[in-house]
Protein backbone atom coordinates (compact mmCIF):
# COMPACT_ATOMS: atom_id res chain seq x y z
CA MET A 1 10.74 -9.19 30.56
CA GLY A 2 9.43 -12.75 30.43
CA LEU A 3 10.17 -15.61 28.04
CA LYS A 4 7.16 -14.72 25.88
CA GLU A 5 8.39 -11.14 25.43
CA ILE A 6 11.95 -12.31 24.67
CA ARG A 7 10.67 -14.75 22.04
CA SER A 8 8.59 -12.00 20.43
CA PHE A 9 11.59 -9.62 20.49
CA ALA A 10 13.84 -12.27 18.93
CA PHE A 11 11.32 -12.82 16.15
CA SER A 12 11.25 -9.05 15.47
CA LEU A 13 15.05 -8.92 15.29
CA CYS A 14 14.98 -11.57 12.57
CA GLN A 15 12.99 -9.27 10.28
CA ASP A 16 14.91 -7.49 7.54
CA GLN A 17 13.35 -4.12 8.41
CA ILE A 18 15.44 -3.88 11.59
CA SER A 19 19.13 -3.03 11.31
CA ILE A 20 20.81 -4.86 14.19
CA PRO A 21 24.07 -2.82 14.01
CA GLU A 22 22.08 0.43 14.03
CA LEU A 23 19.98 -0.78 16.95
CA GLU A 24 23.10 -1.74 18.89
CA ARG A 25 24.62 1.67 18.12
CA GLN A 26 21.55 3.55 19.33
CA VAL A 27 21.22 1.51 22.53
CA GLY A 28 24.94 1.83 23.29
CA SER A 29 25.21 5.55 22.53
CA GLU A 30 25.35 8.12 25.30
CA GLY A 31 22.59 10.39 23.99
CA SER A 32 19.30 9.72 22.25
CA PRO A 33 19.14 9.71 18.42
CA ALA A 34 18.22 13.04 16.85
CA ALA A 35 14.99 11.69 15.38
CA PHE A 36 13.90 10.43 18.81
CA ARG A 37 14.69 13.78 20.43
CA MET A 38 12.65 15.55 17.76
CA TRP A 39 9.75 13.20 18.47
CA LEU A 40 9.98 13.93 22.21
CA GLN A 41 9.99 17.66 21.54
CA SER A 42 6.92 17.39 19.32
CA LYS A 43 5.14 15.42 22.04
CA GLN A 44 6.04 18.04 24.64
CA HIS A 45 4.78 20.82 22.40
CA GLN A 46 1.53 18.93 21.77
CA VAL A 47 0.94 18.33 25.48
CA ARG A 48 1.67 21.96 26.39
CA SER A 49 -0.78 23.16 23.74
CA LEU A 50 -3.49 20.92 25.16
CA LEU A 51 -2.81 22.06 28.74
CA THR A 52 -2.96 25.69 27.64
CA GLN A 53 -6.17 25.17 25.71
CA TYR A 54 -7.93 23.32 28.53
CA ASP A 55 -6.37 25.16 31.48
CA ARG A 56 -8.48 25.31 34.64
CA ALA A 57 -7.94 26.31 38.25
CA LYS A 58 -8.62 22.81 39.57
CA PRO A 59 -7.04 20.20 37.27
CA ARG A 60 -8.94 16.99 36.66
CA LYS A 61 -7.46 13.56 36.05
CA ILE A 62 -6.75 14.14 32.36
CA GLU A 63 -4.93 17.42 33.01
CA LYS A 64 -2.89 15.80 35.81
CA LEU A 65 -1.95 12.90 33.52
CA LEU A 66 -0.89 15.31 30.78
CA SER A 67 1.31 17.25 33.21
CA LEU A 68 3.03 14.01 34.26
CA ALA A 69 3.41 12.98 30.60
CA GLU A 70 5.14 16.30 29.85
CA ARG A 71 7.58 15.67 32.70
CA VAL A 72 8.35 12.19 31.38
CA PHE A 73 9.05 13.50 27.88
CA ASP A 74 11.31 16.21 29.33
CA LEU A 75 13.26 13.77 31.52
CA VAL A 76 13.75 11.25 28.71
CA GLY A 77 14.89 14.07 26.44
CA GLN A 78 17.55 14.98 29.00
CA GLY A 79 18.87 11.43 28.85
CA ASP A 80 17.63 10.27 32.26
CA PRO A 81 16.75 6.55 32.39
CA PRO A 82 13.19 5.81 33.58
CA THR A 83 14.56 4.16 36.71
CA ASP A 84 16.00 7.53 37.81
CA PHE A 85 12.80 9.53 37.36
CA HIS A 86 11.89 11.37 40.53
CA LEU A 87 8.20 10.55 40.61
CA SER A 88 6.32 9.99 43.84
CA ASP A 89 4.46 6.75 44.42
CA ASP A 90 1.14 8.56 43.95
CA GLU A 91 2.34 10.01 40.64
CA LYS A 92 3.45 6.58 39.42
CA VAL A 93 0.09 5.09 40.35
CA LEU A 94 -1.73 7.94 38.60
CA LEU A 95 0.35 7.67 35.44
CA ASP A 96 -0.23 3.93 35.35
CA SER A 97 -4.02 4.36 35.48
CA SER A 98 -6.53 4.67 32.65
CA ILE A 99 -7.38 8.07 31.25
CA GLY A 100 -11.11 7.40 31.47
CA LYS A 101 -13.77 9.17 29.45
CA ALA A 102 -13.44 12.55 27.80
CA PRO A 103 -14.70 15.54 29.84
CA GLY A 104 -17.67 17.31 28.34
CA GLU A 105 -15.88 20.39 26.99
CA TRP A 106 -12.99 18.41 25.44
CA ASP A 107 -12.98 18.07 21.67
CA ALA A 108 -12.99 14.41 20.56
CA SER A 109 -9.87 14.85 18.40
CA ASP A 110 -7.98 16.61 21.21
CA PHE A 111 -8.97 13.88 23.65
CA GLN A 112 -7.54 11.22 21.33
CA ASP A 113 -4.30 13.22 21.08
CA ALA A 114 -4.15 13.39 24.87
CA ARG A 115 -4.79 9.65 25.15
CA ARG A 116 -1.97 8.83 22.72
CA ALA A 117 0.46 11.19 24.49
CA ILE A 118 -0.31 9.68 27.90
CA GLN A 119 0.04 6.14 26.54
CA ALA A 120 3.43 7.07 25.02
CA ALA A 121 4.61 8.38 28.41
CA GLN A 122 3.37 5.20 30.12
CA GLN A 123 5.31 3.06 27.63
CA LEU A 124 8.49 5.13 28.12
CA LEU A 125 8.35 4.35 31.83
CA GLN A 126 8.56 0.64 31.01
CA VAL A 127 11.87 0.99 29.10
CA ASN A 128 14.89 -0.58 30.80
CA GLY A 129 17.91 0.49 28.76
CA ALA A 130 20.43 -1.71 30.58
CA LEU A 131 18.29 -4.82 30.16
CA LEU A 132 17.57 -3.99 26.53
CA SER A 133 21.29 -3.67 25.81
CA LYS A 134 22.03 -7.08 27.36
CA VAL A 135 19.14 -8.74 25.49
CA ILE A 136 20.38 -7.35 22.17
CA GLN A 137 23.91 -8.60 22.91
CA VAL A 138 22.52 -12.10 23.44
CA LEU A 139 19.92 -12.19 20.66
CA GLY A 140 21.80 -10.15 18.05
CA PRO A 141 24.14 -12.95 16.86
CA PHE A 142 21.22 -15.42 16.83
CA ALA A 143 19.08 -13.09 14.68
CA ALA A 144 22.00 -12.40 12.33
CA ARG A 145 22.55 -16.15 11.88
CA VAL A 146 18.84 -16.73 11.15
CA ARG A 147 18.92 -14.02 8.51
CA GLN A 148 22.04 -15.49 6.93
CA VAL A 149 20.54 -18.98 6.77
CA PHE A 150 17.39 -17.64 5.11
CA SER A 151 19.47 -15.61 2.66
CA ASP A 152 21.63 -18.64 1.75
CA LYS A 153 18.50 -20.64 0.97
CA GLY A 154 17.02 -17.82 -1.11
CA TRP A 155 14.20 -17.26 1.37
CA ILE A 156 13.92 -13.49 1.18
CA ARG A 157 10.65 -11.65 1.69
CA PHE A 158 9.60 -8.73 -0.46
CA ASP A 159 10.54 -6.32 2.34
CA GLY A 160 13.98 -7.91 2.42
CA LEU A 161 14.42 -7.37 -1.33
CA LEU A 162 13.49 -3.72 -0.97
CA ILE A 163 15.94 -3.21 1.87
CA ARG A 164 18.75 -4.83 -0.11
CA VAL A 165 18.03 -2.54 -3.05
CA ARG A 166 18.00 0.48 -0.73
CA ASP A 167 21.29 -0.57 0.88
CA LEU A 168 22.87 -1.20 -2.54
CA LEU A 169 22.00 2.32 -3.70
CA ARG A 170 23.00 3.90 -0.39
CA ASP A 171 26.32 2.15 0.11
CA HIS A 172 27.65 1.84 -3.46
CA PRO A 173 28.00 5.20 -5.24
CA MET A 174 29.10 3.66 -8.56
CA VAL A 175 26.03 1.45 -8.76
CA ARG A 176 23.79 4.36 -7.82
CA GLU A 177 25.38 6.64 -10.42
CA GLN A 178 24.87 4.07 -13.17
CA LEU A 179 21.23 3.46 -12.23
CA LYS A 180 20.53 7.20 -11.95
CA GLY A 181 21.55 7.54 -15.57
CA THR A 182 19.10 4.83 -16.60
CA TYR A 183 16.02 6.91 -15.79
CA ALA A 184 15.50 10.35 -17.32
CA ALA A 185 12.27 10.84 -15.37
CA ILE A 186 10.46 8.98 -12.60
CA MET A 187 6.69 9.21 -12.14
CA VAL A 188 5.03 7.50 -9.18
CA ASP A 189 1.24 7.26 -8.92
CA GLU A 190 -0.63 6.48 -5.65
CA PHE A 191 2.40 7.77 -3.75
CA GLN A 192 0.48 7.70 -0.45
CA ASP A 193 0.94 3.90 -0.55
CA THR A 194 4.76 4.19 -0.70
CA ASP A 195 6.61 3.16 2.47
CA PRO A 196 9.87 4.76 3.73
CA VAL A 197 12.16 2.14 2.17
CA GLN A 198 10.49 2.52 -1.21
CA TYR A 199 10.69 6.30 -1.18
CA GLU A 200 14.35 6.15 -0.16
CA ILE A 201 14.99 4.11 -3.33
CA LEU A 202 13.11 6.66 -5.43
CA LEU A 203 15.00 9.58 -3.90
CA TYR A 204 18.37 7.91 -4.50
CA LEU A 205 17.43 7.37 -8.16
CA GLY A 206 16.20 10.97 -8.45
CA GLU A 207 19.49 12.44 -7.20
CA ARG A 208 21.55 14.91 -9.25
CA PRO A 209 24.32 13.38 -11.41
CA ASN A 210 27.72 13.10 -9.73
CA ALA A 211 26.18 13.86 -6.32
CA TYR A 212 26.29 11.42 -3.44
CA GLY A 213 24.17 11.90 -0.34
CA ARG A 214 24.71 9.12 2.19
CA PHE A 215 21.22 9.38 3.64
CA TRP A 216 18.01 10.40 1.93
CA ARG A 217 17.75 13.73 3.77
CA ASP A 218 21.16 14.70 2.34
CA ILE A 219 20.22 13.95 -1.27
CA GLN A 220 20.14 16.78 -3.81
CA LEU A 221 17.28 16.00 -6.18
CA MET A 222 17.69 16.66 -9.88
CA PRO A 223 15.14 19.32 -10.97
CA GLY A 224 12.26 17.91 -12.97
CA LYS A 225 13.21 14.25 -12.59
CA LEU A 226 10.87 13.06 -9.83
CA PHE A 227 7.11 13.48 -10.28
CA ILE A 228 4.79 12.04 -7.65
CA VAL A 229 0.99 11.88 -7.52
CA GLY A 230 -0.88 10.95 -4.38
CA ASP A 231 -3.74 11.70 -2.03
CA PRO A 232 -2.79 11.37 1.66
CA LYS A 233 -6.48 10.99 2.58
CA GLN A 234 -6.43 7.65 0.74
CA SER A 235 -3.51 6.25 2.74
CA ILE A 236 -4.50 2.72 3.86
CA TYR A 237 -1.11 0.99 4.28
CA ALA A 238 -0.02 2.42 7.64
CA PHE A 239 0.60 -1.17 8.83
CA ARG A 240 3.71 -1.20 6.60
CA ARG A 241 4.60 2.40 7.46
CA ALA A 242 3.14 3.88 4.25
CA ASP A 243 1.39 6.59 6.24
CA ILE A 244 0.74 10.31 6.03
CA GLU A 245 3.94 11.14 7.92
CA ALA A 246 6.04 9.35 5.29
CA PHE A 247 4.09 11.10 2.51
CA ASP A 248 4.60 14.53 4.10
CA GLN A 249 8.32 13.93 4.61
CA VAL A 250 8.90 13.28 0.92
CA VAL A 251 6.74 16.23 -0.16
CA GLU A 252 8.76 18.45 2.19
CA LYS A 253 12.02 17.08 0.78
CA VAL A 254 10.92 17.66 -2.83
CA THR A 255 9.82 21.24 -2.13
CA GLN A 256 13.06 22.00 -0.26
CA ASP A 257 14.97 20.97 -3.39
CA GLY A 258 12.98 23.34 -5.61
CA GLY A 259 9.93 21.24 -6.42
CA ILE A 260 6.40 22.64 -6.46
CA VAL A 261 3.13 21.24 -5.14
CA CYS A 262 0.14 21.32 -7.51
CA THR A 263 -3.29 20.49 -6.14
CA LEU A 264 -5.86 18.81 -8.39
CA LEU A 265 -9.23 20.34 -7.58
CA THR A 266 -11.49 19.24 -10.45
CA ASN A 267 -13.67 16.17 -10.06
CA PHE A 268 -14.74 14.68 -13.40
CA ARG A 269 -16.89 11.88 -11.96
CA SER A 270 -19.57 13.61 -9.88
CA ASP A 271 -21.98 16.45 -10.55
CA GLY A 272 -22.28 19.63 -8.51
CA ALA A 273 -25.07 18.43 -6.20
CA ILE A 274 -22.98 15.52 -4.95
CA LEU A 275 -19.81 17.59 -4.53
CA GLU A 276 -21.60 20.27 -2.53
CA ALA A 277 -22.70 17.67 0.01
CA VAL A 278 -19.33 15.91 0.06
CA ASN A 279 -17.37 19.14 0.54
CA ALA A 280 -19.65 20.27 3.37
CA VAL A 281 -19.29 16.97 5.24
CA PHE A 282 -15.55 16.48 4.65
CA ASP A 283 -14.74 20.04 5.74
CA ARG A 284 -16.14 19.13 9.16
CA LEU A 285 -14.70 15.63 9.35
CA PHE A 286 -11.13 16.21 8.11
CA ILE A 287 -9.60 18.33 10.85
CA PRO A 288 -5.93 18.99 9.95
CA GLN A 289 -3.42 17.36 12.29
CA ALA A 290 0.29 17.10 11.58
CA ASN A 291 1.39 13.56 10.55
CA VAL A 292 -2.09 12.20 11.27
CA GLN A 293 -4.78 13.88 9.19
CA PRO A 294 -4.41 16.12 6.12
CA PRO A 295 -6.91 18.97 5.57
CA ASN A 296 -9.82 18.54 3.23
CA VAL A 297 -9.39 20.15 -0.19
CA PRO A 298 -12.85 21.06 -1.57
CA LEU A 299 -13.44 19.66 -5.05
CA ALA A 300 -14.77 21.61 -8.00
CA VAL A 301 -17.16 20.14 -10.55
CA GLY A 302 -15.78 19.35 -14.00
CA ARG A 303 -17.12 21.20 -17.02
CA MET A 304 -18.96 18.22 -18.44
CA ARG A 305 -20.71 17.75 -15.08
CA GLU A 306 -21.92 21.35 -14.72
CA ALA A 307 -25.61 22.16 -14.59
CA GLY A 308 -27.21 21.91 -18.02
CA SER A 309 -24.64 19.50 -19.40
CA GLY A 310 -27.09 16.66 -19.89
CA SER A 311 -28.63 14.14 -17.50
CA THR A 312 -26.35 12.62 -14.91
CA GLY A 313 -26.65 10.22 -12.05
CA VAL A 314 -28.23 6.79 -11.70
CA GLU A 315 -31.74 5.73 -12.63
CA ILE A 316 -33.23 2.47 -11.42
CA CYS A 317 -35.76 0.81 -13.71
CA VAL A 318 -37.66 -2.27 -12.49
CA MET A 319 -39.40 -4.72 -14.83
CA ALA A 320 -42.74 -5.87 -13.40
CA ASN A 321 -45.49 -7.94 -14.99
CA PRO A 322 -48.84 -6.11 -15.47
CA GLN A 323 -51.67 -6.94 -13.13
CA GLY A 324 -53.72 -9.87 -14.30
CA GLU A 325 -50.80 -11.62 -16.00
CA ASP A 326 -49.21 -14.73 -14.62
CA GLU A 327 -45.92 -14.16 -12.87
CA TRP A 328 -43.03 -14.10 -15.34
CA ASP A 329 -40.46 -16.83 -15.32
CA ALA A 330 -36.77 -15.96 -15.70
CA GLU A 331 -36.77 -16.45 -19.46
CA ARG A 332 -39.82 -14.20 -19.98
CA ALA A 333 -38.38 -11.52 -17.65
CA THR A 334 -35.11 -11.50 -19.60
CA ARG A 335 -36.88 -11.03 -22.94
CA VAL A 336 -39.02 -8.18 -21.57
CA GLU A 337 -35.97 -6.45 -20.06
CA ALA A 338 -33.98 -6.83 -23.29
CA GLU A 339 -36.81 -5.39 -25.38
CA TRP A 340 -37.33 -2.45 -23.03
CA LEU A 341 -33.59 -1.73 -22.93
CA ALA A 342 -33.32 -1.74 -26.72
CA GLY A 343 -36.28 0.63 -26.98
CA TRP A 344 -34.83 2.98 -24.38
CA ILE A 345 -31.46 3.10 -26.18
CA GLU A 346 -33.24 3.80 -29.46
CA GLU A 347 -34.96 6.81 -27.84
CA GLN A 348 -31.67 8.15 -26.46
CA LEU A 349 -30.09 7.94 -29.92
CA VAL A 350 -32.65 10.27 -31.49
CA PRO A 351 -30.61 13.24 -32.83
CA GLY A 352 -30.61 16.10 -30.31
CA ARG A 353 -32.22 14.00 -27.59
CA GLN A 354 -29.05 13.32 -25.58
CA TRP A 355 -25.47 14.57 -25.83
CA ILE A 356 -22.13 14.24 -24.12
CA MET A 357 -18.84 16.13 -23.94
CA GLU A 358 -16.27 14.34 -26.11
CA LYS A 359 -12.74 15.79 -26.15
CA GLY A 360 -14.17 19.11 -25.03
CA VAL A 361 -16.78 19.19 -27.80
CA ARG A 362 -20.55 18.82 -27.31
CA THR A 363 -21.48 15.70 -29.27
CA SER A 364 -24.76 13.90 -29.89
CA LEU A 365 -25.02 10.46 -28.35
CA ARG A 366 -23.94 7.62 -30.67
CA PRO A 367 -24.15 3.81 -30.26
CA GLY A 368 -20.41 3.67 -29.56
CA HIS A 369 -20.94 5.81 -26.44
CA ILE A 370 -23.14 3.19 -24.79
CA ALA A 371 -22.05 0.03 -22.96
CA VAL A 372 -24.39 -2.64 -21.59
CA LEU A 373 -22.95 -4.64 -18.68
CA LEU A 374 -24.47 -8.03 -17.90
CA ARG A 375 -23.99 -10.08 -14.74
CA LYS A 376 -23.30 -13.13 -16.89
CA PHE A 377 -23.00 -13.85 -20.59
CA THR A 378 -25.54 -16.68 -20.62
CA ASN A 379 -28.46 -14.60 -21.97
CA ALA A 380 -26.41 -12.17 -24.07
CA GLN A 381 -27.97 -13.43 -27.30
CA VAL A 382 -31.43 -12.29 -26.15
CA TYR A 383 -30.17 -8.73 -25.71
CA LEU A 384 -28.27 -8.79 -29.01
CA GLU A 385 -31.38 -9.87 -30.92
CA ALA A 386 -33.43 -7.10 -29.26
CA LEU A 387 -30.85 -4.48 -30.26
CA GLN A 388 -30.78 -5.80 -33.81
CA ARG A 389 -34.58 -5.59 -34.06
CA HIS A 390 -34.31 -1.89 -33.20
CA ASN A 391 -31.55 -1.42 -35.81
CA ILE A 392 -28.96 -0.47 -33.19
CA PRO A 393 -25.39 -1.36 -34.24
CA CYS A 394 -23.70 -3.42 -31.53
CA MET A 395 -20.86 -5.79 -30.79
CA ALA A 396 -20.38 -8.29 -27.97
CA ASP A 397 -17.16 -8.81 -26.06
CA GLY A 398 -17.65 -11.70 -23.70
CA GLU A 399 -14.63 -14.00 -24.19
CA ARG A 400 -13.10 -13.85 -20.73
CA HIS A 401 -12.31 -17.51 -20.05
CA PHE A 402 -9.45 -18.06 -22.50
CA TYR A 403 -6.65 -17.29 -20.02
CA ARG A 404 -8.31 -19.42 -17.33
CA ARG A 405 -8.00 -22.61 -19.36
CA GLN A 406 -5.50 -24.99 -17.83
CA GLU A 407 -3.58 -25.55 -21.06
CA VAL A 408 -3.15 -21.76 -21.48
CA ILE A 409 -2.02 -21.39 -17.84
CA ASP A 410 0.55 -24.15 -18.41
CA VAL A 411 1.91 -22.46 -21.55
CA VAL A 412 2.16 -19.11 -19.75
CA ASN A 413 4.06 -20.77 -16.87
CA VAL A 414 6.52 -22.30 -19.34
CA LEU A 415 7.09 -18.94 -21.01
CA ARG A 416 7.63 -17.29 -17.63
CA VAL A 417 10.24 -19.87 -16.65
CA LEU A 418 12.01 -19.53 -19.99
CA ASP A 419 12.23 -15.80 -19.32
CA ASP A 420 13.23 -16.16 -15.66
CA PRO A 421 14.64 -19.59 -14.65
CA THR A 422 14.22 -18.68 -10.95
CA ASP A 423 10.48 -17.96 -11.18
CA ALA A 424 9.52 -20.42 -8.45
CA LEU A 425 5.76 -19.80 -8.69
CA ALA A 426 5.67 -20.57 -12.42
CA LEU A 427 7.93 -23.59 -11.98
CA VAL A 428 5.65 -25.00 -9.27
CA GLY A 429 2.76 -24.58 -11.73
CA ILE A 430 4.70 -26.58 -14.33
CA LEU A 431 5.53 -29.34 -11.85
CA ARG A 432 1.84 -29.65 -10.91
CA SER A 433 0.70 -29.66 -14.54
CA SER A 434 0.63 -32.59 -16.97
CA LEU A 435 4.23 -31.71 -17.87
CA GLY A 436 5.48 -32.55 -14.39
CA GLY A 437 2.69 -34.61 -12.88
CA LEU A 438 3.97 -34.20 -9.31
CA THR A 439 1.89 -34.16 -6.16
CA ASP A 440 2.15 -31.29 -3.67
CA GLN A 441 4.22 -33.46 -1.33
CA GLU A 442 6.65 -34.35 -4.13
CA ILE A 443 7.01 -30.67 -5.00
CA MET A 444 7.80 -29.92 -1.35
CA ASP A 445 10.48 -32.62 -1.41
CA VAL A 446 12.06 -31.00 -4.49
CA MET A 447 12.00 -27.57 -2.87
CA LYS A 448 13.89 -28.89 0.16
CA LEU A 449 16.87 -29.54 -2.13
CA GLY A 450 17.35 -25.78 -2.61
CA PRO A 451 15.83 -22.79 -4.42
CA LEU A 452 13.91 -23.84 -7.54
CA ASP A 453 15.97 -23.14 -10.66
CA ILE A 454 15.74 -25.06 -13.94
CA ARG A 455 19.50 -24.57 -14.42
CA GLN A 456 20.23 -26.59 -11.28
CA ALA A 457 19.00 -29.98 -12.50
CA HIS A 458 21.97 -31.71 -10.83
CA ARG A 459 20.38 -31.05 -7.43
CA LEU A 460 17.75 -33.65 -8.28
CA ASN A 461 20.43 -36.35 -8.04
CA GLU A 462 19.79 -36.29 -4.28
CA TRP A 463 16.03 -36.84 -4.73
CA ALA A 464 15.07 -40.46 -4.08
CA SER A 465 11.96 -40.72 -6.23
CA SER A 466 10.76 -42.71 -9.21
CA GLN A 467 10.07 -39.35 -10.88
CA GLN A 468 13.66 -38.18 -10.47
CA SER A 469 14.84 -38.89 -14.03
CA VAL A 470 11.65 -37.48 -15.61
CA ILE A 471 11.79 -34.18 -13.72
CA GLN A 472 15.54 -33.89 -14.20
CA GLY A 473 15.00 -34.28 -17.93
CA LEU A 474 12.25 -31.65 -17.82
CA PHE A 475 14.59 -29.20 -16.03
CA GLN A 476 17.35 -29.83 -18.57
CA ARG A 477 15.00 -29.33 -21.52
CA LEU A 478 13.64 -26.08 -20.07
CA ALA A 479 17.17 -24.87 -19.33
CA TRP A 480 18.17 -25.56 -22.94
CA LEU A 481 15.13 -23.64 -24.24
CA HIS A 482 16.00 -20.77 -21.88
CA ALA A 483 19.51 -20.62 -23.30
CA GLN A 484 18.14 -20.65 -26.87
CA ALA A 485 15.40 -18.08 -26.21
CA ASN A 486 17.64 -15.05 -26.68
CA ARG A 487 19.31 -16.49 -29.76
CA LEU A 488 16.33 -17.53 -31.83
CA PRO A 489 14.41 -14.89 -33.85
């Protein structure tokens, strides 16, 4: 382990996601943690399945590598350190080599599984438990001190806040019991984007009254309290551990405690022709694999998208000048498009010409069912006049710049600070606005005095700046308004 690796390891230890005491306990314990042993067993089972499936009288390189990987998993599971593995020099050289390309009869998915298993075995051989223990002993106090300094200054990342909430609920039964009573029901949408720390928090809050499970696996969920909605195929946050494995673990926990899994099969957005093609392709692409890939669930077409339920899909209409005419300029093209669009809408509104399903009832198309989206609002008046000429009732909603005005942004920032005096982002906005008039460098100087908080105006006494008295007065005025906010009607 070189200096570069030690520096990288020290940086990792400073992250809130890693529990230094737990890491020290695992490294110093005699046996491997249960979760690690279960992982080794799953790897062994996976490798054996592959060797059985692709068994041959004369093993090739990939089969030889898999056999060595199985031995490594077995030896590590028995508690043997990598330095004591009885591998020949030839076996070590082979296991250290590249797997190469997939043999012709190997399935692509199976080959990737084999590659990952072999890489895991190669990485296990690099582990030096004795050295790791010594490095943690040296770097542990340093990392703990860094965390404490950051905490004292209020520099806590979002992950750190989540972990503190999780630890509060896990380690303080009275706090957990009070918060459990606050929520009668918990519904979480897009659950596939929930990481392990977040779902631990949800499970603690969903626990039965007067029950206390130390760890999330020991929790007894209250029936009917936790309702989650998610699609594991849409999981895109694996980089922060919000992956399919985490999703499956929670689903398994919920079902073990009496919950049921309901699968939504109906697609209300696409018609049958599209779904037939999608289902056929996805059935081939989504090969089920535990903790990696969920199976495809074929979708059924919604009632309003069934055959005979009116026209569906997208039509592209292009405005082109007739032959013999001069090429249209932008203004002429806009007028022609607006007139054509108004005429087309008028045709669709003819009674019985077009209909939709509204609240389960077949209904003739009305003006309120139609929306016209424009790339920009500049020429909206041309379209409005065309619709009016065709006697089509319409309204325009194009005011989207109000909340982008600087004076509105400044007012919103003030209101945010009055609600939460520690809202650093809003307070920075105030300091940069006409209310504060500070430069970015001056704001940085103020932030060095401690966490931004309008109630701590006395900290500005240490700021050597001509703006000191002005900003201190601003802080005091905002703090007074904050104190009055909950008293005034």
